[in-house]
């Protein structure tokens, strides 16, 4: 089977040679691709010297790079890994064997580390909160949603829309597998600190907010009835809270002394029904989109099975 190792890179001169070398050793038959994302150092030259196939993606952001890699590269098994030399290359054969042996579509490498320097301050808590949030909306099947080390089948890659532009791409990958009800699993793998000279490009607060917004966007797009149903319920309850005292006053006196409040209550109830209608319509649209992605998914055989 044809295996491709995909490494998105931005200013990883200090780490990329070791990443290419380690994955070359772990997967000697794989083709290793390094996609440079406007690096200002010697990443391209170092990666090429290490033996990788080097290409460029001018649109800034990890999500844009992953979209380009998934579109350009044709393989049976895809190994996606960051170029910062923090992930365990010797685990790659195990992850691939699990993918093929169990006909899975994704194997997520859960990061296990005993070194405090491996994680930046707040990242462990942030990962747990965001992973738990996705689990609450879409189903709890992973403990490390933001891992940058994964193995995919061809049918996963070729049915994945890849709409994210930055580090929120990991969230989209996870939700795609959950919403398509794909068979996937998670395998604990070692995780270490960055080598000297390598600096993280992830902004704790800015990218954390982007991931949070991506979760909200995916809930709206993949679970519109849930999102708009909550909005409709809140609007309806607000309308009733305003309307009940007015109704009681009308029953007692036959008058509506607070006309602006009555108008507001009526407007909120109308908005509630509009939100509910939007949810019903978008739910049908989402089902159609999911069916289209499912057909693209079924166009390819499971890993390890003949067409």
Protein backbone atom coordinates (compact mmCIF):
# COMPACT_ATOMS: atom_id res chain seq x y z
CA UNK A 1 0.00 0.00 0.00
CA UNK A 2 1.17 3.51 -0.81
CA UNK A 3 1.90 5.54 2.31
CA UNK A 4 2.43 9.31 2.41
CA UNK A 5 3.81 11.23 5.37
CA UNK A 6 2.46 14.80 5.33
CA UNK A 7 4.36 17.46 7.27
CA UNK A 8 3.05 21.05 7.27
CA UNK A 9 5.86 23.45 8.16
CA UNK A 10 6.40 27.07 9.09
CA UNK A 11 9.84 28.16 10.31
CA UNK A 12 10.95 24.71 11.48
CA UNK A 13 14.59 24.85 10.40
CA UNK A 14 15.75 23.54 13.78
CA UNK A 15 13.47 20.48 13.82
CA UNK A 16 12.50 19.41 10.31
CA UNK A 17 15.63 17.40 9.49
CA UNK A 18 15.11 15.18 12.54
CA UNK A 19 11.42 14.70 11.70
CA UNK A 20 12.18 13.63 8.12
CA UNK A 21 15.01 11.37 9.25
CA UNK A 22 12.97 9.67 11.98
CA UNK A 23 9.98 9.01 9.73
CA UNK A 24 12.27 7.78 6.97
CA UNK A 25 13.64 5.25 9.45
CA UNK A 26 10.20 4.27 10.79
CA UNK A 27 8.54 4.08 7.36
CA UNK A 28 11.27 3.35 4.77
CA UNK A 29 8.76 2.75 1.95
CA UNK A 30 6.74 5.92 2.53
CA UNK A 31 7.02 9.15 0.56
CA UNK A 32 7.65 12.09 2.87
CA UNK A 33 6.15 15.43 1.85
CA UNK A 34 7.04 18.72 3.49
CA UNK A 35 4.70 21.59 2.62
CA UNK A 36 6.28 24.92 3.46
CA UNK A 37 3.96 27.73 4.51
CA UNK A 38 5.98 30.89 3.77
CA UNK A 39 8.88 30.10 6.10
CA UNK A 40 11.42 32.87 6.56
CA UNK A 41 14.25 30.57 7.61
CA UNK A 42 16.03 27.61 5.92
CA UNK A 43 13.17 25.12 6.38
CA UNK A 44 12.87 24.40 2.65
CA UNK A 45 16.58 23.82 2.13
CA UNK A 46 16.97 21.67 5.25
CA UNK A 47 13.93 19.53 4.40
CA UNK A 48 15.09 18.98 0.83
CA UNK A 49 18.59 18.06 2.01
CA UNK A 50 17.04 15.52 4.41
CA UNK A 51 15.35 13.80 1.47
CA UNK A 52 11.77 15.06 1.66
CA UNK A 53 9.63 16.07 -1.31
CA UNK A 54 9.23 19.80 -0.68
CA UNK A 55 6.28 21.85 -1.92
CA UNK A 56 4.85 25.24 -1.03
CA UNK A 57 1.45 26.59 0.02
CA UNK A 58 1.26 30.42 -0.08
CA UNK A 59 -2.03 30.77 1.88
CA UNK A 60 -0.98 31.21 5.50
CA UNK A 61 -2.38 28.82 8.08
CA UNK A 62 -2.13 25.13 8.93
CA UNK A 63 -5.66 24.44 7.71
CA UNK A 64 -4.82 25.84 4.28
CA UNK A 65 -1.74 23.62 4.11
CA UNK A 66 -3.67 20.49 5.09
CA UNK A 67 -6.34 21.27 2.48
CA UNK A 68 -3.66 21.54 -0.20
CA UNK A 69 -1.92 18.34 0.88
CA UNK A 70 -5.14 16.33 0.93
CA UNK A 71 -6.03 17.63 -2.54
CA UNK A 72 -2.62 17.10 -4.15
CA UNK A 73 -1.37 13.81 -2.76
CA UNK A 74 -2.69 10.41 -3.77
CA UNK A 75 -2.04 7.52 -1.37
CA UNK A 76 -3.72 4.65 0.45
CA UNK A 77 -2.57 5.69 3.93
CA UNK A 78 -1.83 9.23 5.07
CA UNK A 79 0.29 10.08 8.11
CA UNK A 80 -0.20 13.70 9.18
CA UNK A 81 2.35 15.05 11.67
CA UNK A 82 3.65 18.44 12.76
CA UNK A 83 7.20 19.37 11.82
CA UNK A 84 8.31 20.38 15.33
CA UNK A 85 9.90 17.04 16.34
CA UNK A 86 7.64 16.53 19.34
CA UNK A 87 5.83 13.42 18.10
CA UNK A 88 7.07 9.82 18.22
CA UNK A 89 7.96 8.60 14.72
CA UNK A 90 8.61 4.94 15.79
CA UNK A 91 4.88 4.71 16.69
CA UNK A 92 3.88 5.27 13.04
CA UNK A 93 4.04 1.56 12.01
CA UNK A 94 1.80 0.65 14.97
CA UNK A 95 -0.73 3.34 14.07
CA UNK A 96 -0.78 2.23 10.43
CA UNK A 97 -1.08 -1.45 11.37
CA UNK A 98 -4.07 -0.63 13.55
CA UNK A 99 -5.68 1.42 10.77
CA UNK A 100 -5.30 -1.39 8.21
CA UNK A 101 -5.85 -4.34 10.54
CA UNK A 102 -9.16 -3.00 11.87
CA UNK A 103 -10.22 -1.20 8.65
CA UNK A 104 -10.38 2.15 10.44
CA UNK A 105 -10.53 5.59 8.88
CA UNK A 106 -8.54 7.52 11.49
CA UNK A 107 -6.11 6.67 14.26
CA UNK A 108 -5.44 9.58 16.57
CA UNK A 109 -2.13 9.66 18.45
CA UNK A 110 -3.01 10.63 22.01
CA UNK A 111 -0.11 12.58 23.49
CA UNK A 112 1.42 11.07 26.64
CA UNK A 113 4.28 12.98 28.24
CA UNK A 114 5.99 13.08 31.63
CA UNK A 115 8.01 16.21 30.78
CA UNK A 116 6.52 19.50 31.94
CA UNK A 117 8.30 21.37 29.13
CA UNK A 118 6.40 19.41 26.47
CA UNK A 119 3.24 21.50 27.01
CA UNK A 120 2.98 25.26 27.23
CA UNK A 121 1.19 26.75 30.21
CA UNK A 122 -2.57 26.34 29.98
CA UNK A 123 -2.52 24.05 26.95
CA UNK A 124 -3.41 20.86 28.83
CA UNK A 125 -6.44 22.48 30.50
CA UNK A 126 -7.48 24.17 27.23
CA UNK A 127 -7.25 20.87 25.35
CA UNK A 128 -9.40 19.12 27.95
CA UNK A 129 -12.04 21.85 27.91
CA UNK A 130 -12.27 22.03 24.12
CA UNK A 131 -12.20 18.23 23.75
CA UNK A 132 -14.97 17.95 26.35
CA UNK A 133 -17.01 20.62 24.57
CA UNK A 134 -16.82 18.76 21.26
CA UNK A 135 -17.64 15.52 23.06
CA UNK A 136 -20.74 17.12 24.56
CA UNK A 137 -22.06 18.22 21.17
CA UNK A 138 -20.89 15.46 18.83
CA UNK A 139 -20.05 12.44 21.00
CA UNK A 140 -17.22 11.46 23.32
CA UNK A 141 -14.77 9.28 21.38
CA UNK A 142 -11.43 11.02 21.87
CA UNK A 143 -9.37 12.36 24.77
CA UNK A 144 -6.91 14.45 22.74
CA UNK A 145 -8.80 16.27 20.00
CA UNK A 146 -5.95 18.72 19.30
CA UNK A 147 -3.24 16.15 18.59
CA UNK A 148 -1.26 16.98 15.45
CA UNK A 149 -0.30 13.34 14.78
CA UNK A 150 -2.88 11.19 12.99
CA UNK A 151 -3.16 8.43 10.43
CA UNK A 152 -5.97 8.49 7.86
CA UNK A 153 -7.46 6.22 5.24
CA UNK A 154 -7.87 7.37 1.67
CA UNK A 155 -11.65 7.53 2.01
CA UNK A 156 -11.36 9.85 5.01
CA UNK A 157 -9.05 12.25 3.17
CA UNK A 158 -11.03 12.35 -0.05
CA UNK A 159 -14.36 13.00 1.71
CA UNK A 160 -13.00 15.68 4.04
CA UNK A 161 -14.05 19.23 3.02
CA UNK A 162 -11.19 21.01 4.89
CA UNK A 163 -12.78 24.41 5.49
CA UNK A 164 -10.60 25.58 8.40
CA UNK A 165 -7.74 27.96 7.73
CA UNK A 166 -5.58 27.68 10.86
CA UNK A 167 -4.94 25.50 13.90
CA UNK A 168 -8.64 24.76 14.23
CA UNK A 169 -8.14 22.13 11.50
CA UNK A 170 -7.73 19.40 14.17
CA UNK A 171 -11.22 20.21 15.47
CA UNK A 172 -12.68 19.91 11.99
CA UNK A 173 -10.90 16.58 11.42
CA UNK A 174 -12.36 15.16 14.62
CA UNK A 175 -15.90 16.42 13.99
CA UNK A 176 -15.80 15.07 10.42
CA UNK A 177 -15.07 11.58 11.77
CA UNK A 178 -17.75 11.88 14.46
CA UNK A 179 -20.49 13.22 12.17
CA UNK A 180 -19.76 10.65 9.45
CA UNK A 181 -19.75 7.93 12.15
CA UNK A 182 -16.45 6.64 10.84
CA UNK A 183 -14.62 3.83 12.59
CA UNK A 184 -11.65 5.36 14.39
CA UNK A 185 -9.65 4.95 17.56
CA UNK A 186 -7.02 6.63 19.69
CA UNK A 187 -3.63 5.19 20.61
CA UNK A 188 -1.39 6.63 23.38
CA UNK A 189 2.00 7.70 22.01
CA UNK A 190 5.01 9.44 23.58
CA UNK A 191 5.22 13.22 23.33
CA UNK A 192 8.29 15.35 24.04
CA UNK A 193 9.39 18.98 24.22
CA UNK A 194 10.53 20.93 21.18
CA UNK A 195 14.24 20.89 20.31
CA UNK A 196 16.32 24.01 21.01
CA UNK A 197 15.69 26.72 18.45
CA UNK A 198 12.16 25.55 17.60
CA UNK A 199 9.35 27.89 18.67
CA UNK A 200 5.63 27.12 18.82
CA UNK A 201 3.46 29.03 16.34
CA UNK A 202 0.29 28.41 18.36
CA UNK A 203 -1.08 31.46 20.18
CA UNK A 204 -2.73 30.25 23.37
CA UNK A 205 -5.56 32.79 23.53
CA UNK A 206 -6.00 33.81 19.89
CA UNK A 207 -5.97 30.28 18.50
CA UNK A 208 -7.96 29.01 21.48
CA UNK A 209 -10.71 31.48 20.61
CA UNK A 210 -10.51 30.48 16.94
CA UNK A 211 -10.98 26.84 17.92
CA UNK A 212 -13.91 27.82 20.15
CA UNK A 213 -15.51 29.75 17.27
CA UNK A 214 -14.90 26.78 14.96
CA UNK A 215 -16.76 24.51 17.40
CA UNK A 216 -19.69 26.96 17.38
CA UNK A 217 -19.61 27.11 13.59
CA UNK A 218 -19.55 23.32 13.29
CA UNK A 219 -22.48 23.01 15.71
CA UNK A 220 -24.43 25.48 13.56
CA UNK A 221 -23.55 23.65 10.33
CA UNK A 222 -23.68 20.04 11.51
CA UNK A 223 -26.37 20.31 14.22
CA UNK A 224 -28.54 23.26 13.12
CA UNK A 225 -31.68 21.95 14.81
CA UNK A 226 -29.79 21.82 18.08
CA UNK A 227 -28.32 25.32 17.67
CA UNK A 228 -31.42 27.09 16.40
CA UNK A 229 -33.68 25.06 18.70
CA UNK A 230 -31.85 26.44 21.75
CA UNK A 231 -32.16 29.97 20.34
CA UNK A 232 -35.88 29.43 19.70
CA UNK A 233 -36.39 28.15 23.24
CA UNK A 234 -34.57 31.12 24.81
CA UNK A 235 -36.60 33.60 22.72
CA UNK A 236 -39.89 31.84 23.55
CA UNK A 237 -39.17 31.80 27.28
CA UNK A 238 -38.19 35.49 27.20
CA UNK A 239 -41.42 36.29 25.40
CA UNK A 240 -43.50 34.37 27.94
CA UNK A 241 -41.76 36.02 30.89
CA UNK A 242 -42.71 39.42 29.48
CA UNK A 243 -46.20 38.38 28.40
CA UNK A 244 -47.48 36.59 31.54
CA UNK A 245 -47.79 39.76 33.70
CA UNK A 246 -49.50 41.55 30.81
CA UNK A 247 -51.98 38.72 30.38
CA UNK A 248 -52.74 38.68 34.12
CA UNK A 249 -53.34 42.45 34.07
CA UNK A 250 -55.60 42.13 31.03
CA UNK A 251 -57.66 39.40 32.70
CA UNK A 252 -58.11 41.55 35.81
CA UNK A 253 -58.69 44.97 34.22
CA UNK A 254 -59.34 44.40 30.53
CA UNK A 255 -56.49 46.81 29.76
CA UNK A 256 -52.97 46.54 28.31
CA UNK A 257 -51.18 49.42 30.09
CA UNK A 258 -47.66 48.55 28.84
CA UNK A 259 -48.04 48.47 25.06
CA UNK A 260 -44.27 48.58 24.27
CA UNK A 261 -43.72 45.50 26.44
CA UNK A 262 -46.56 43.73 24.66
CA UNK A 263 -45.04 44.55 21.28
CA UNK A 264 -41.64 43.30 22.46
CA UNK A 265 -43.14 40.04 23.75
CA UNK A 266 -44.92 39.46 20.44
CA UNK A 267 -41.75 40.25 18.47
CA UNK A 268 -39.70 37.81 20.55
CA UNK A 269 -42.25 35.03 19.98
CA UNK A 270 -42.19 35.70 16.22
CA UNK A 271 -38.38 35.52 16.27
CA UNK A 272 -38.62 32.26 18.19
CA UNK A 273 -40.75 30.69 15.46
CA UNK A 274 -38.41 32.08 12.79
CA UNK A 275 -35.42 30.49 14.55
CA UNK A 276 -37.27 27.17 14.78
CA UNK A 277 -38.12 27.36 11.06
CA UNK A 278 -34.48 28.11 10.18
CA UNK A 279 -33.41 25.09 12.22
CA UNK A 280 -35.84 22.79 10.41
CA UNK A 281 -34.78 24.02 6.96
CA UNK A 282 -31.05 23.91 7.69
CA UNK A 283 -31.40 20.45 9.21
CA UNK A 284 -32.67 19.20 5.84
CA UNK A 285 -29.80 20.96 4.04
CA UNK A 286 -27.29 19.42 6.47
CA UNK A 287 -28.70 15.97 5.86
CA UNK A 288 -28.24 16.45 2.11
CA UNK A 289 -24.64 17.61 2.61
CA UNK A 290 -23.92 14.65 4.85
CA UNK A 291 -25.31 12.27 2.24
CA UNK A 292 -23.04 13.84 -0.41
CA UNK A 293 -19.99 13.41 1.82
CA UNK A 294 -21.06 9.85 2.54
CA UNK A 295 -21.19 9.06 -1.18
CA UNK A 296 -17.69 10.50 -1.64
CA UNK A 297 -16.57 8.39 1.32
CA UNK A 298 -18.09 5.19 -0.11
CA UNK A 299 -16.34 5.75 -3.45
CA UNK A 300 -13.13 4.38 -1.89
CA UNK A 301 -12.54 0.97 -0.25
CA UNK A 302 -11.59 0.51 3.37
CA UNK A 303 -7.83 0.42 4.04
CA UNK A 304 -6.45 -3.05 3.41
CA UNK A 305 -9.40 -4.16 1.27
CA UNK A 306 -9.34 -4.48 -2.51
CA UNK A 307 -11.58 -2.19 -4.60
